[in-house]
Amino acid sequence: MTFNELILSRQSVRRYAATPVEPEKIKQCLEAARLAPSASNSQPWKYILVDQEPVRTEVAKATFSDIQLINKYTMQAPLMVVIVMERAKLITRLAMLIKKKEWPLIDIGITAEHFCLQAAELGLGTCMIGWFDEDRIKKALQIPTDNSIGLLISVGYPVDGYTQRTKIRKPMDEMVSYNRY
C-alpha cells in the first residue's frame, strides 16, 4: 500500500468486531510508535495495553457517562491503549517554560498517529480518544498520581461492512495560505 492509500484508509473506527487482536500485530504497532520523533528525544510516553477483563471494561466505561455517550463504542473494542505522559527531559522542560509550548502533548500525538497508521496498514481499526475520566483510569491501572494520561486509543477489527468516512475534509484553500495568514 502506498502512503497515500494508507492515509486514505485510516479513519476513526467506532464499531468493532469481537475478534481479538493478534499480539504480533500489536507489537508492530508499538514498534512504529516507539520510533516516533519527540522533542529532545524525550520519548515522554508509556503505553499501557488493556485487554483483560474486568480492567478493559473499566477503562472503556471511563470514556463515557450518562450525559456524554459518544464514546460508548469503546465497550466493543477488544483492546484499549492508554498513553501515559512521562516526565520530559530537563532540557525539554526548560525549553517548554521559555517557549510556552507543551511539547509532550505534541509528542504524544505523533507517537499515537504512528501507532494508528501501522494499525491501519495491518487491517485494524483505531480511534483516538481525548474524553475520559483520568482519575478513574489512573486508579484502575495504578498509574502514579504525578503522571497524566495523554490519550487513549481503542483498537480492534472493524465490523464487517464498516463504511469509510463520510465527512468531507476542508478544501485545501481553507486550510492553507502562503506567506501570511
Protein backbone atom coordinates (compact mmCIF):
# COMPACT_ATOMS: atom_id res chain seq x y z
CA MET A 1 0.00 0.00 0.00
CA THR A 2 1.31 3.47 -0.81
CA PHE A 3 1.46 6.14 1.87
CA ASN A 4 -1.43 7.98 0.22
CA GLU A 5 -3.53 4.80 0.25
CA LEU A 6 -2.65 4.32 3.92
CA ILE A 7 -3.72 7.79 4.99
CA LEU A 8 -6.92 7.47 2.95
CA SER A 9 -7.73 4.15 4.65
CA ARG A 10 -7.00 5.33 8.20
CA GLN A 11 -10.12 6.60 9.94
CA SER A 12 -11.70 6.67 13.37
CA VAL A 13 -13.47 3.34 13.86
CA ARG A 14 -16.44 3.27 16.22
CA ARG A 15 -17.82 -0.23 15.65
CA TYR A 16 -15.66 -3.23 16.47
CA ALA A 17 -15.96 -6.97 15.89
CA ALA A 18 -15.40 -9.24 18.89
CA THR A 19 -12.29 -10.72 17.23
CA PRO A 20 -9.20 -10.43 19.45
CA VAL A 21 -6.18 -8.59 18.07
CA GLU A 22 -3.14 -10.75 17.43
CA PRO A 23 -0.17 -9.95 19.71
CA GLU A 24 2.23 -9.78 16.75
CA LYS A 25 0.14 -7.02 15.15
CA ILE A 26 0.11 -5.03 18.38
CA LYS A 27 3.87 -5.49 18.62
CA GLN A 28 4.25 -3.99 15.11
CA CYS A 29 2.07 -1.02 16.12
CA LEU A 30 4.14 -0.49 19.26
CA GLU A 31 7.37 -0.63 17.27
CA ALA A 32 6.03 2.07 14.93
CA ALA A 33 5.04 4.16 17.96
CA ARG A 34 8.43 3.60 19.60
CA LEU A 35 10.19 5.07 16.56
CA ALA A 36 8.20 8.33 16.63
CA PRO A 37 10.21 11.52 16.98
CA SER A 38 9.94 13.65 20.11
CA ALA A 39 11.32 16.95 21.39
CA SER A 40 14.93 16.46 22.51
CA ASN A 41 14.33 12.74 22.00
CA SER A 42 12.48 12.75 25.35
CA GLN A 43 10.09 9.98 24.31
CA PRO A 44 7.74 11.12 27.10
CA TRP A 45 5.30 8.21 26.81
CA LYS A 46 4.48 4.85 28.25
CA TYR A 47 1.95 2.60 26.55
CA ILE A 48 -0.36 0.51 28.69
CA LEU A 49 -2.24 -2.20 26.78
CA VAL A 50 -5.54 -3.17 28.36
CA ASP A 51 -7.16 -6.33 27.01
CA GLN A 52 -8.09 -8.37 30.08
CA GLU A 53 -11.37 -8.21 31.91
CA PRO A 54 -12.57 -6.59 34.09
CA VAL A 55 -9.91 -3.88 33.62
CA ARG A 56 -10.64 -3.40 29.90
CA THR A 57 -14.30 -2.75 30.68
CA GLU A 58 -13.38 -0.36 33.49
CA VAL A 59 -11.16 1.68 31.15
CA ALA A 60 -13.83 1.65 28.42
CA LYS A 61 -16.51 2.81 30.89
CA ALA A 62 -14.27 5.72 31.88
CA THR A 63 -14.64 7.16 28.35
CA PHE A 64 -18.34 7.95 28.62
CA SER A 65 -21.05 8.82 31.15
CA ASP A 66 -24.82 9.04 31.42
CA ILE A 67 -24.57 12.55 29.97
CA GLN A 68 -21.81 12.02 27.37
CA LEU A 69 -22.44 8.80 25.43
CA ILE A 70 -20.36 9.44 22.31
CA ASN A 71 -17.57 7.03 23.34
CA LYS A 72 -19.82 4.14 24.34
CA TYR A 73 -18.46 2.18 21.34
CA THR A 74 -15.31 1.57 23.41
CA MET A 75 -17.18 -1.24 25.14
CA GLN A 76 -16.84 -3.24 21.88
CA ALA A 77 -13.10 -2.66 21.42
CA PRO A 78 -11.08 -5.75 22.37
CA LEU A 79 -8.07 -3.58 23.21
CA MET A 80 -7.75 -0.21 24.87
CA VAL A 81 -4.40 1.55 24.71
CA VAL A 82 -3.59 4.14 27.36
CA ILE A 83 -0.73 6.51 26.60
CA VAL A 84 0.73 7.95 29.78
CA MET A 85 2.80 11.11 29.56
CA GLU A 86 6.12 10.58 31.26
CA ARG A 87 8.22 13.44 32.56
CA ALA A 88 10.17 15.12 29.75
CA LYS A 89 13.93 15.59 29.90
CA LEU A 90 15.16 18.59 31.86
CA ILE A 91 16.28 20.45 28.72
CA THR A 92 12.81 19.95 27.20
CA ARG A 93 11.08 21.16 30.39
CA LEU A 94 13.25 24.30 30.42
CA ALA A 95 12.55 24.96 26.75
CA MET A 96 8.83 24.49 27.40
CA LEU A 97 8.94 27.20 30.07
CA ILE A 98 10.83 29.60 27.84
CA LYS A 99 8.76 28.99 24.69
CA LYS A 100 5.41 28.36 26.48
CA LYS A 101 4.86 25.17 24.46
CA GLU A 102 3.68 21.76 25.71
CA TRP A 103 5.90 19.56 23.56
CA PRO A 104 4.99 16.31 25.37
CA LEU A 105 1.40 16.77 24.15
CA ILE A 106 2.68 17.15 20.58
CA ASP A 107 4.93 14.13 21.07
CA ILE A 108 2.01 12.03 22.30
CA GLY A 109 0.05 12.96 19.17
CA ILE A 110 2.93 11.94 16.93
CA THR A 111 3.50 8.58 18.62
CA ALA A 112 -0.25 7.87 18.65
CA GLU A 113 -0.52 8.56 14.92
CA HIS A 114 2.44 6.26 14.21
CA PHE A 115 0.59 3.55 16.16
CA CYS A 116 -2.69 4.18 14.31
CA LEU A 117 -1.15 4.30 10.83
CA GLN A 118 0.62 0.99 11.45
CA ALA A 119 -2.66 -0.48 12.73
CA ALA A 120 -4.46 0.67 9.57
CA GLU A 121 -1.83 -0.96 7.37
CA LEU A 122 -2.43 -4.21 9.29
CA GLY A 123 -6.21 -4.05 8.79
CA LEU A 124 -7.00 -2.89 12.32
CA GLY A 125 -9.33 -0.09 13.26
CA THR A 126 -8.47 2.58 15.83
CA CYS A 127 -9.96 5.67 17.37
CA MET A 128 -8.04 8.23 19.39
CA ILE A 129 -9.95 9.35 22.46
CA GLY A 130 -9.38 12.53 24.41
CA TRP A 131 -12.55 12.48 26.54
CA PHE A 132 -12.13 10.23 29.57
CA ASP A 133 -12.20 10.16 33.36
CA GLU A 134 -8.49 10.34 34.04
CA ASP A 135 -8.71 9.68 37.79
CA ARG A 136 -10.81 6.57 37.24
CA ILE A 137 -8.34 5.14 34.70
CA LYS A 138 -5.31 6.04 36.81
CA LYS A 139 -6.84 4.20 39.75
CA ALA A 140 -7.77 1.14 37.66
CA LEU A 141 -4.29 0.90 36.11
CA GLN A 142 -2.28 2.01 39.17
CA ILE A 143 -0.76 4.94 37.30
CA PRO A 144 1.24 7.24 39.62
CA THR A 145 -0.71 10.36 40.52
CA ASP A 146 2.02 12.71 39.24
CA ASN A 147 1.74 11.27 35.72
CA SER A 148 -1.03 12.24 33.34
CA ILE A 149 -2.79 10.36 30.59
CA GLY A 150 -2.30 11.97 27.21
CA LEU A 151 -4.60 9.90 25.06
CA LEU A 152 -6.48 6.64 24.74
CA ILE A 153 -6.78 4.55 21.59
CA SER A 154 -9.45 1.93 21.03
CA VAL A 155 -8.18 -0.92 18.84
CA GLY A 156 -9.84 -3.83 17.07
CA TYR A 157 -11.14 -5.11 13.80
CA PRO A 158 -13.94 -3.01 12.31
CA VAL A 159 -17.25 -4.85 11.98
CA ASP A 160 -17.92 -6.30 8.54
CA GLY A 161 -19.19 -3.63 6.20
CA TYR A 162 -17.93 -0.70 8.27
CA THR A 163 -18.23 2.24 5.93
CA GLN A 164 -15.47 4.60 5.06
CA ARG A 165 -15.69 8.09 6.47
CA THR A 166 -18.40 10.27 5.02
CA LYS A 167 -17.39 13.66 6.43
CA ILE A 168 -15.74 15.82 3.82
CA ARG A 169 -12.43 17.42 4.70
CA LYS A 170 -11.93 21.16 4.39
CA PRO A 171 -10.97 22.29 0.91
CA MET A 172 -7.26 22.96 0.52
CA ASP A 173 -7.75 26.72 0.13
CA GLU A 174 -9.44 26.87 3.57
CA MET A 175 -6.56 25.21 5.36
CA VAL A 176 -3.52 26.62 3.58
CA SER A 177 -2.19 30.08 2.93
CA TYR A 178 1.18 31.24 1.69
CA ASN A 179 3.37 33.92 3.25
CA ARG A 180 0.65 35.30 5.57
CA TYR A 181 -2.43 34.22 7.45
